[in-house]
C-alpha cells in the first residue's frame, strides 16, 4: 500500500505541475483497460494492444487474484459461499473469468492479521504473476531476438540565441517584427517567420549564426534543425522564456541525413553500440566510409499487426574531426543516458535490464517474436498496475478495507478508523478528479 500511495502522489505531482509532459504523453492518468489503447491515443511509444491480448490478460489477472483470496480465506477458516470460472459474455464465451465470494460477516470476525492477509492475497498473487511473467519475458527476449545493430538517439545538439540567427536555408531572418509589417508579439512573429522558411518535409534546415568572437570580431557558424524539432513544446517554451532554441551541430551524420539502426560499416558487422564506437575509432578524420542501416517504413495501411516493412539504406559519409579532440574521427551521433534516480528510475532500469542500451534487436521469428514479446510486456505491466491500484486506500478497493483495519489496529478504535477511512477515501477521489481535470485542460483547454 505504501508503494501505491507513493506512486499515486508522484503521478498527481506530474499531472498538476508538468502540463508539457501531460500533452506529450496524451494518455489519461486513469482509464479502463481497453483494446487498441495505443492506437486510440496515438501513443507510438507503446506496443500495440490487440483484442486477443485483452482477453488473455484479463484471465491472467483475474484467475490468480480471485483464487488467492479463496486460498487465504480457507487458510483462515473463512467460509467461501461460491467459487468457480465464468465465460463472459454468455452469448459469446471468449473471456475466462474467475470469482470467489467470501462470507463477509465471518471474515469480519477474524483477527486483524487474518483479515489483512485475506484482503491482500489477491494483490500479492498479481505481484507474483507479474514477476513470473517478467522472468518469462526476459528468457523469451534472449531466445527470440538477436543484437543486430546500433541505434543512436539523436545528433549532438546545443541551444543557441535566436537573435544571432542570420539566415535559414540561405534566406535572411528579419528580427524586427515592426519592420516585417506584421502585428502581434515580436517573438511570435519571428518564430512564425522562421517556421515559414523551413522545409515542410522531413529534411533538415541549415541555420547560419553570427557569434561574437572578440572585440569587433564575429564568427559565422552553421547549425541544423528540422521543422519538427523546432516546433517541439520544450523548444517553443525555451524560445519564449529565454529566446533560445535547441539545434543540431554541423556534423557529418546530420549533413547526410543518417537515420536508422547502423548494422555495417565498410563491410564490418555492427551488432551494438560498443561495436560502432570501436569501428569508428579505427577510422581517421577526412576518411569516407560506407554505412548501412536498417529502417522501417510507415505502418502498412489496412494490415493489422504489421508495424512496417524493414528495408536498408546505404550512406557514404566523410568523417569529420571531433570538435573537442584533435585527430579523433567524428560521425556526429549521440546516445542519451536514460538512467534515472529514485524509485521510479530504478524500476525502469530493472524493466529493461535485459536489453543493451543503444542496440537494435532483430526478431529471430519475424512477427511472431514481436507478437509474443508485446503480449508478455502487457501482462507484466497490467499485473503490476492492477496490484498497485487495488491497494489504493479507497472504499471500492481491497486497499480501502486494508487501510481501515490498519488504522483500527494502531489506534484501537474503530470510530477513529471509520473517520480516517472516510477522509482518505474522499481525499483520493478528489485527487483523481483533479488530475483527470488537469489532463483534460492540458489536452483540450
Protein backbone atom coordinates (compact mmCIF):
# COMPACT_ATOMS: atom_id res chain seq x y z
CA UNK A 1 0.00 0.00 0.00
CA UNK A 2 2.82 2.42 0.86
CA UNK A 3 4.34 1.96 -2.60
CA UNK A 4 1.00 2.61 -4.31
CA UNK A 5 0.42 5.78 -2.28
CA UNK A 6 3.93 6.97 -3.25
CA UNK A 7 3.31 6.28 -6.94
CA UNK A 8 -0.11 7.92 -6.78
CA UNK A 9 1.18 11.18 -5.31
CA UNK A 10 4.06 11.12 -7.81
CA UNK A 11 1.51 10.92 -10.63
CA UNK A 12 -0.58 13.71 -9.06
CA UNK A 13 2.51 15.94 -8.89
CA UNK A 14 3.42 15.28 -12.52
CA UNK A 15 -0.07 15.87 -13.90
CA UNK A 16 -0.52 19.12 -11.95
CA UNK A 17 2.91 20.69 -12.36
CA UNK A 18 4.13 19.29 -15.71
CA UNK A 19 1.50 20.21 -18.33
CA UNK A 20 4.01 19.86 -21.19
CA UNK A 21 4.68 16.26 -20.16
CA UNK A 22 0.94 15.59 -20.00
CA UNK A 23 0.44 16.97 -23.51
CA UNK A 24 3.24 14.77 -24.85
CA UNK A 25 2.08 11.59 -23.09
CA UNK A 26 -1.59 12.25 -24.05
CA UNK A 27 -2.98 9.31 -22.09
CA UNK A 28 -5.41 9.99 -19.20
CA UNK A 29 -3.97 9.21 -15.74
CA UNK A 30 -6.78 6.73 -15.03
CA UNK A 31 -8.84 4.86 -17.58
CA UNK A 32 -10.28 1.38 -18.17
CA UNK A 33 -8.14 -1.23 -19.86
CA UNK A 34 -9.43 -1.33 -23.44
CA UNK A 35 -8.09 -2.92 -26.63
CA UNK A 36 -6.23 -0.74 -29.13
CA UNK A 37 -5.41 1.83 -26.43
CA UNK A 38 -2.14 3.00 -28.11
CA UNK A 39 -3.94 3.44 -31.44
CA UNK A 40 -6.80 5.45 -29.94
CA UNK A 41 -4.48 7.93 -28.21
CA UNK A 42 -1.73 7.74 -30.88
CA UNK A 43 0.83 6.55 -28.32
CA UNK A 44 3.64 5.46 -30.61
CA UNK A 45 5.95 4.69 -27.67
CA UNK A 46 3.66 1.84 -26.51
CA UNK A 47 3.43 -1.56 -28.24
CA UNK A 48 0.11 -2.46 -29.90
CA UNK A 49 -2.67 -3.76 -27.66
CA UNK A 50 -4.87 -6.18 -29.61
CA UNK A 51 -8.25 -7.60 -28.63
CA UNK A 52 -6.74 -11.07 -28.15
CA UNK A 53 -4.21 -9.52 -25.71
CA UNK A 54 -7.10 -8.03 -23.75
CA UNK A 55 -8.86 -11.41 -23.43
CA UNK A 56 -5.71 -13.24 -22.31
CA UNK A 57 -4.61 -10.53 -19.87
CA UNK A 58 -7.99 -10.29 -18.14
CA UNK A 59 -7.87 -14.03 -17.48
CA UNK A 60 -4.23 -13.91 -16.31
CA UNK A 61 -5.05 -11.07 -13.91
CA UNK A 62 -8.41 -12.30 -12.59
CA UNK A 63 -7.77 -16.01 -12.00
CA UNK A 64 -4.71 -15.77 -9.67
CA UNK A 65 -6.22 -12.75 -7.92
CA UNK A 66 -9.55 -14.37 -7.03
CA UNK A 67 -8.20 -17.79 -6.18
CA UNK A 68 -5.54 -16.28 -3.90
CA UNK A 69 -8.37 -14.67 -1.95
CA UNK A 70 -10.01 -18.08 -1.74
CA UNK A 71 -6.87 -19.90 -0.62
CA UNK A 72 -6.14 -17.42 2.18
CA UNK A 73 -9.80 -17.41 3.21
CA UNK A 74 -9.73 -21.20 3.53
CA UNK A 75 -6.47 -21.00 5.47
CA UNK A 76 -8.06 -18.54 7.91
CA UNK A 77 -11.21 -20.70 8.10
CA UNK A 78 -13.48 -18.16 6.41
CA UNK A 79 -16.44 -19.75 4.66
CA UNK A 80 -16.45 -19.46 0.87
CA UNK A 81 -20.01 -19.08 -0.41
CA UNK A 82 -19.32 -19.70 -4.10
CA UNK A 83 -16.33 -20.06 -6.37
CA UNK A 84 -15.69 -21.00 -9.97
CA UNK A 85 -14.93 -19.93 -13.52
CA UNK A 86 -17.05 -17.86 -15.85
CA UNK A 87 -17.08 -17.23 -19.57
CA UNK A 88 -18.24 -13.74 -20.45
CA UNK A 89 -20.36 -12.70 -22.18
CA UNK A 90 -22.62 -15.76 -22.07
CA UNK A 91 -23.68 -15.37 -25.72
CA UNK A 92 -20.06 -15.25 -26.94
CA UNK A 93 -17.86 -17.02 -24.37
CA UNK A 94 -14.39 -15.63 -25.03
CA UNK A 95 -13.28 -14.26 -21.67
CA UNK A 96 -12.31 -16.74 -18.98
CA UNK A 97 -13.08 -15.10 -15.62
CA UNK A 98 -12.92 -16.31 -12.04
CA UNK A 99 -14.85 -15.41 -8.93
CA UNK A 100 -14.67 -16.12 -5.21
CA UNK A 101 -17.46 -14.95 -2.90
CA UNK A 102 -16.49 -14.89 0.78
CA UNK A 103 -18.73 -14.74 3.83
CA UNK A 104 -18.05 -11.11 4.78
CA UNK A 105 -19.64 -11.42 8.23
CA UNK A 106 -17.45 -14.39 9.08
CA UNK A 107 -14.37 -12.62 7.69
CA UNK A 108 -15.03 -9.56 9.88
CA UNK A 109 -14.92 -11.77 13.00
CA UNK A 110 -11.38 -12.97 12.30
CA UNK A 111 -8.26 -11.35 13.70
CA UNK A 112 -6.92 -8.21 12.06
CA UNK A 113 -3.95 -10.13 10.71
CA UNK A 114 -6.20 -12.82 9.22
CA UNK A 115 -8.37 -10.20 7.52
CA UNK A 116 -5.35 -8.27 6.23
CA UNK A 117 -3.80 -11.44 4.84
CA UNK A 118 -7.02 -12.42 3.06
CA UNK A 119 -7.58 -8.92 1.63
CA UNK A 120 -4.01 -8.53 0.35
CA UNK A 121 -3.81 -12.06 -1.08
CA UNK A 122 -5.15 -11.02 -4.49
CA UNK A 123 -2.67 -8.19 -4.81
CA UNK A 124 0.17 -10.47 -3.69
CA UNK A 125 -0.86 -13.01 -6.34
CA UNK A 126 -0.84 -10.32 -9.03
CA UNK A 127 2.66 -9.23 -8.00
CA UNK A 128 3.92 -12.83 -8.11
CA UNK A 129 2.25 -13.27 -11.52
CA UNK A 130 3.96 -10.12 -12.79
CA UNK A 131 7.36 -11.30 -11.52
CA UNK A 132 6.86 -14.72 -13.10
CA UNK A 133 5.93 -13.29 -16.48
CA UNK A 134 8.78 -10.80 -16.29
CA UNK A 135 11.18 -13.74 -15.98
CA UNK A 136 9.40 -15.40 -18.92
CA UNK A 137 9.72 -12.12 -20.86
CA UNK A 138 13.45 -11.97 -20.13
CA UNK A 139 14.03 -15.58 -21.22
CA UNK A 140 11.87 -15.19 -24.32
CA UNK A 141 13.61 -11.98 -25.37
CA UNK A 142 17.03 -13.62 -25.04
CA UNK A 143 15.89 -16.52 -27.23
CA UNK A 144 13.75 -14.65 -29.77
CA UNK A 145 15.89 -11.58 -30.51
CA UNK A 146 19.49 -11.11 -31.57
CA UNK A 147 21.61 -7.90 -31.40
CA UNK A 148 21.86 -6.69 -34.99
CA UNK A 149 22.88 -3.05 -34.98
CA UNK A 150 23.48 0.19 -33.09
CA UNK A 151 20.65 2.68 -32.62
CA UNK A 152 21.59 6.27 -31.81
CA UNK A 153 19.13 8.57 -30.04
CA UNK A 154 19.91 11.92 -31.60
CA UNK A 155 22.62 14.11 -33.11
CA UNK A 156 24.87 16.28 -30.90
CA UNK A 157 22.90 19.41 -30.05
CA UNK A 158 23.20 22.82 -28.42
CA UNK A 159 20.94 25.73 -27.52
CA UNK A 160 21.53 28.92 -29.49
CA UNK A 161 20.41 32.52 -29.14
CA UNK A 162 17.73 33.17 -31.75
CA UNK A 163 18.78 36.81 -32.09
CA UNK A 164 22.12 35.62 -33.53
CA UNK A 165 20.49 33.66 -36.38
CA UNK A 166 21.38 35.33 -39.67
CA UNK A 167 19.70 33.01 -42.14
CA UNK A 168 17.81 29.74 -42.57
CA UNK A 169 18.39 27.86 -45.83
CA UNK A 170 20.27 30.98 -47.06
CA UNK A 171 17.19 33.18 -46.50
CA UNK A 172 17.90 36.15 -44.23
CA UNK A 173 15.97 36.45 -40.97
CA UNK A 174 14.38 39.79 -40.06
CA UNK A 175 14.48 40.09 -36.27
CA UNK A 176 12.26 43.18 -36.20
CA UNK A 177 8.53 42.46 -36.15
CA UNK A 178 7.69 46.11 -36.91
CA UNK A 179 9.96 46.11 -39.96
CA UNK A 180 8.20 42.99 -41.18
CA UNK A 181 4.92 44.91 -41.14
CA UNK A 182 3.15 42.22 -39.12
CA UNK A 183 1.11 42.83 -35.97
CA UNK A 184 1.43 40.74 -32.82
CA UNK A 185 4.12 39.79 -30.38
CA UNK A 186 7.59 40.25 -31.87
CA UNK A 187 8.59 36.82 -30.58
CA UNK A 188 5.54 35.20 -32.16
CA UNK A 189 6.18 36.93 -35.48
CA UNK A 190 9.87 36.00 -35.59
CA UNK A 191 9.08 32.42 -34.59
CA UNK A 192 6.41 32.20 -37.30
CA UNK A 193 8.72 33.69 -39.93
CA UNK A 194 11.40 31.10 -39.21
CA UNK A 195 8.88 28.25 -39.42
CA UNK A 196 7.62 29.57 -42.76
CA UNK A 197 11.13 29.45 -44.19
CA UNK A 198 11.81 25.90 -43.06
CA UNK A 199 11.25 22.91 -45.30
CA UNK A 200 7.92 21.21 -44.57
CA UNK A 201 9.32 17.76 -45.34
CA UNK A 202 11.48 15.62 -43.07
CA UNK A 203 14.57 17.36 -44.43
CA UNK A 204 16.85 19.28 -42.09
CA UNK A 205 17.33 23.03 -42.45
CA UNK A 206 20.62 24.90 -42.43
CA UNK A 207 20.95 27.71 -39.88
CA UNK A 208 23.72 30.31 -40.10
CA UNK A 209 24.69 32.04 -36.85
CA UNK A 210 26.80 35.15 -36.26
CA UNK A 211 28.63 34.77 -32.95
CA UNK A 212 30.83 37.42 -31.29
CA UNK A 213 34.42 36.14 -31.18
CA UNK A 214 36.32 39.07 -29.77
CA UNK A 215 36.44 42.83 -29.85
CA UNK A 216 34.76 43.94 -33.09
CA UNK A 217 35.05 40.39 -34.43
CA UNK A 218 32.39 37.84 -35.26
CA UNK A 219 32.39 34.24 -36.41
CA UNK A 220 29.86 32.58 -38.70
CA UNK A 221 28.77 29.11 -37.55
CA UNK A 222 26.45 26.54 -39.10
CA UNK A 223 23.83 24.51 -37.26
CA UNK A 224 20.94 22.36 -38.43
CA UNK A 225 17.37 21.77 -37.36
CA UNK A 226 14.15 20.21 -38.57
CA UNK A 227 10.75 21.82 -38.51
CA UNK A 228 9.56 19.06 -36.18
CA UNK A 229 12.37 19.75 -33.69
CA UNK A 230 11.78 23.49 -33.88
CA UNK A 231 8.07 23.05 -33.09
CA UNK A 232 8.54 20.72 -30.12
CA UNK A 233 6.80 22.10 -27.00
CA UNK A 234 10.04 22.15 -24.97
CA UNK A 235 11.82 24.08 -27.71
CA UNK A 236 8.94 26.53 -28.05
CA UNK A 237 8.94 27.10 -24.29
CA UNK A 238 12.72 27.66 -24.28
CA UNK A 239 12.28 30.23 -27.07
CA UNK A 240 9.50 32.09 -25.24
CA UNK A 241 11.31 32.18 -21.87
CA UNK A 242 14.96 32.63 -22.89
CA UNK A 243 14.96 33.49 -26.59
CA UNK A 244 16.89 30.30 -27.35
CA UNK A 245 16.23 27.10 -29.30
CA UNK A 246 17.86 23.68 -29.41
CA UNK A 247 19.53 22.82 -32.73
CA UNK A 248 21.98 20.23 -34.07
CA UNK A 249 25.69 20.81 -34.51
CA UNK A 250 27.02 20.75 -38.06
CA UNK A 251 28.14 17.11 -38.19
CA UNK A 252 28.68 14.55 -40.98
CA UNK A 253 25.69 12.48 -39.79
CA UNK A 254 23.35 15.47 -39.89
CA UNK A 255 24.50 16.56 -43.32
CA UNK A 256 23.97 13.05 -44.69
CA UNK A 257 20.57 12.68 -43.01
CA UNK A 258 21.72 9.48 -41.32
CA UNK A 259 18.83 7.58 -39.71
CA UNK A 260 18.00 4.04 -38.64
CA UNK A 261 19.98 1.28 -36.97
CA UNK A 262 23.60 1.05 -38.13
CA UNK A 263 24.39 -2.59 -38.89
CA UNK A 264 27.50 -2.34 -41.09
CA UNK A 265 30.46 -0.01 -41.69
CA UNK A 266 32.71 -0.75 -44.68
CA UNK A 267 31.53 -4.36 -44.66
CA UNK A 268 32.24 -4.84 -40.93
CA UNK A 269 29.24 -6.11 -38.98
CA UNK A 270 27.97 -3.80 -36.21
CA UNK A 271 25.91 -5.57 -33.53
CA UNK A 272 25.72 -2.96 -30.77
CA UNK A 273 26.85 0.45 -29.59
CA UNK A 274 30.29 -0.76 -28.46
CA UNK A 275 30.94 -2.25 -31.92
CA UNK A 276 30.02 1.08 -33.51
CA UNK A 277 32.32 3.11 -31.25
CA UNK A 278 35.21 0.68 -31.74
CA UNK A 279 34.87 0.67 -35.52
CA UNK A 280 34.60 4.46 -35.78
CA UNK A 281 37.69 4.89 -33.60
CA UNK A 282 39.65 2.79 -36.09
CA UNK A 283 39.00 5.40 -38.81
CA UNK A 284 40.58 8.80 -39.44
CA UNK A 285 39.15 12.31 -39.90
CA UNK A 286 38.52 13.00 -43.58
CA UNK A 287 38.07 9.31 -44.39
CA UNK A 288 34.95 8.40 -46.37
CA UNK A 289 33.11 5.37 -45.02
CA UNK A 290 30.12 3.34 -46.17
CA UNK A 291 27.37 2.95 -43.55
CA UNK A 292 24.44 0.55 -43.94
CA UNK A 293 21.32 0.99 -41.81
CA UNK A 294 18.03 -0.73 -41.11
CA UNK A 295 14.96 1.45 -41.13
CA UNK A 296 11.22 0.90 -41.07
CA UNK A 297 8.61 2.27 -43.41
CA UNK A 298 5.33 3.59 -42.13
CA UNK A 299 2.72 1.14 -40.89
CA UNK A 300 1.26 -0.96 -43.68
CA UNK A 301 -2.18 0.55 -44.15
CA UNK A 302 -5.10 -1.77 -43.57
CA UNK A 303 -3.00 -4.69 -42.33
CA UNK A 304 -3.46 -5.22 -38.60
CA UNK A 305 -0.41 -6.33 -36.66
CA UNK A 306 2.11 -5.30 -39.31
CA UNK A 307 4.15 -2.39 -37.96
CA UNK A 308 6.21 -1.80 -41.06
CA UNK A 309 8.42 -3.29 -43.73
CA UNK A 310 12.12 -3.37 -42.93
CA UNK A 311 14.45 -2.05 -45.58
CA UNK A 312 18.08 -0.98 -45.75
CA UNK A 313 19.81 2.21 -46.78
CA UNK A 314 23.44 2.96 -47.54
CA UNK A 315 25.30 6.21 -46.87
CA UNK A 316 28.73 7.33 -47.99
CA UNK A 317 29.88 9.76 -45.31
CA UNK A 318 33.16 11.62 -44.90
CA UNK A 319 34.11 11.68 -41.23
CA UNK A 320 34.94 14.99 -39.61
CA UNK A 321 37.33 15.79 -36.77
CA UNK A 322 35.90 15.76 -33.27
CA UNK A 323 35.47 19.41 -32.15
CA UNK A 324 36.84 18.63 -28.69
CA UNK A 325 39.54 16.04 -29.51
CA UNK A 326 42.16 16.71 -32.17
CA UNK A 327 42.79 13.82 -34.56
CA UNK A 328 39.72 11.85 -33.42
CA UNK A 329 37.18 10.94 -36.14
CA UNK A 330 33.67 12.33 -35.72
CA UNK A 331 30.48 10.93 -37.20
CA UNK A 332 28.15 13.06 -35.09
CA UNK A 333 25.65 10.71 -33.47
CA UNK A 334 24.69 10.74 -29.79
CA UNK A 335 23.43 8.23 -27.23
CA UNK A 336 21.38 9.56 -24.33
CA UNK A 337 21.92 8.40 -20.76
CA UNK A 338 18.50 7.02 -19.82
CA UNK A 339 19.35 6.03 -16.25
CA UNK A 340 17.26 7.87 -13.67
CA UNK A 341 17.43 8.18 -9.94
CA UNK A 342 14.74 7.47 -7.39
CA UNK A 343 12.36 4.55 -7.05
CA UNK A 344 10.77 5.10 -10.47
CA UNK A 345 14.16 5.25 -12.14
CA UNK A 346 15.36 2.02 -10.56
CA UNK A 347 12.18 0.21 -11.56
CA UNK A 348 12.51 1.50 -15.13
CA UNK A 349 16.14 0.34 -15.26
CA UNK A 350 15.21 -3.12 -13.98
CA UNK A 351 12.41 -3.47 -16.53
CA UNK A 352 14.87 -3.09 -19.43
CA UNK A 353 17.93 -4.72 -17.84
CA UNK A 354 17.95 -7.49 -20.45
CA UNK A 355 18.38 -5.01 -23.32
CA UNK A 356 21.75 -3.45 -24.10
CA UNK A 357 21.40 0.34 -24.45
CA UNK A 358 21.80 1.70 -27.95
CA UNK A 359 21.29 -1.73 -29.51
CA UNK A 360 18.90 -2.72 -32.29
CA UNK A 361 17.44 -6.20 -31.84
CA UNK A 362 16.22 -8.21 -34.80
CA UNK A 363 13.48 -10.81 -34.20
CA UNK A 364 14.53 -14.37 -35.00
CA UNK A 365 10.97 -15.42 -35.83
CA UNK A 366 9.65 -12.33 -37.57
CA UNK A 367 6.26 -11.02 -36.49
CA UNK A 368 5.71 -13.96 -34.12
CA UNK A 369 8.56 -12.74 -31.89
CA UNK A 370 7.02 -9.27 -31.69
CA UNK A 371 3.52 -10.64 -31.04
CA UNK A 372 4.59 -12.78 -28.06
CA UNK A 373 7.02 -10.20 -26.67
CA UNK A 374 4.37 -7.46 -26.71
CA UNK A 375 1.83 -9.79 -25.08
CA UNK A 376 4.25 -10.63 -22.25
CA UNK A 377 5.14 -6.95 -21.86
CA UNK A 378 1.48 -6.00 -21.44
CA UNK A 379 0.86 -8.86 -18.99
CA UNK A 380 3.68 -7.66 -16.74
CA UNK A 381 2.56 -4.02 -16.92
CA UNK A 382 -1.12 -4.74 -16.27
CA UNK A 383 -0.46 -7.21 -13.43
CA UNK A 384 1.71 -4.70 -11.60
CA UNK A 385 -0.75 -1.88 -12.30
CA UNK A 386 -3.76 -3.85 -11.04
CA UNK A 387 -1.85 -4.91 -7.93
CA UNK A 388 -0.94 -1.33 -7.09
CA UNK A 389 -4.31 0.23 -7.92
CA UNK A 390 -6.14 -2.42 -5.89
CA UNK A 391 -4.21 -1.30 -2.81
CA UNK A 392 -5.29 2.34 -3.03
CA UNK A 393 -6.96 3.29 0.29
CA UNK A 394 -10.35 3.81 -1.35
CA UNK A 395 -13.55 2.10 -0.26
CA UNK A 396 -14.17 0.20 -3.50
CA UNK A 397 -10.73 -1.47 -3.46
CA UNK A 398 -9.18 -4.05 -1.13
CA UNK A 399 -6.82 -1.28 -0.06
CA UNK A 400 -9.71 0.63 1.50
CA UNK A 401 -10.58 -2.19 3.90
CA UNK A 402 -6.86 -2.80 4.44
CA UNK A 403 -6.39 0.84 5.46
CA UNK A 404 -9.39 0.73 7.82
CA UNK A 405 -8.12 -2.39 9.60
CA UNK A 406 -4.60 -0.97 9.87
CA UNK A 407 -5.79 2.28 11.48
CA UNK A 408 -8.11 0.34 13.80
CA UNK A 409 -5.21 -1.88 14.90
CA UNK A 410 -2.92 1.11 15.52
CA UNK A 411 -5.43 3.31 17.35
CA UNK A 412 -7.52 0.57 18.95
CA UNK A 413 -10.64 2.49 17.92
CA UNK A 414 -12.96 1.57 15.06
CA UNK A 415 -14.58 5.01 15.34
CA UNK A 416 -11.29 6.74 14.55
CA UNK A 417 -10.63 4.18 11.81
CA UNK A 418 -14.00 4.94 10.16
CA UNK A 419 -13.34 8.68 10.21
CA UNK A 420 -9.84 8.22 8.80
CA UNK A 421 -11.16 5.80 6.19
CA UNK A 422 -13.87 8.25 5.10
CA UNK A 423 -11.47 11.19 4.95
CA UNK A 424 -8.78 9.33 2.97
CA UNK A 425 -11.35 7.91 0.53
CA UNK A 426 -12.73 11.40 -0.19
CA UNK A 427 -9.20 12.81 -0.48
CA UNK A 428 -8.14 10.23 -3.05
CA UNK A 429 -11.36 10.59 -5.04
CA UNK A 430 -10.83 14.37 -5.07
CA UNK A 431 -7.23 13.95 -6.27
CA UNK A 432 -8.34 11.53 -9.00
CA UNK A 433 -10.92 14.05 -10.24
CA UNK A 434 -8.30 16.79 -10.00
CA UNK A 435 -5.72 15.03 -12.18
CA UNK A 436 -8.42 14.00 -14.67
CA UNK A 437 -9.48 17.66 -14.90
CA UNK A 438 -5.85 18.73 -15.24
CA UNK A 439 -5.33 16.21 -18.04
CA UNK A 440 -8.47 17.42 -19.86
CA UNK A 441 -7.38 21.06 -19.51
CA UNK A 442 -3.85 20.30 -20.75
CA UNK A 443 -5.19 18.41 -23.77
CA UNK A 444 -8.22 20.48 -24.77
CA UNK A 445 -8.03 23.74 -22.82
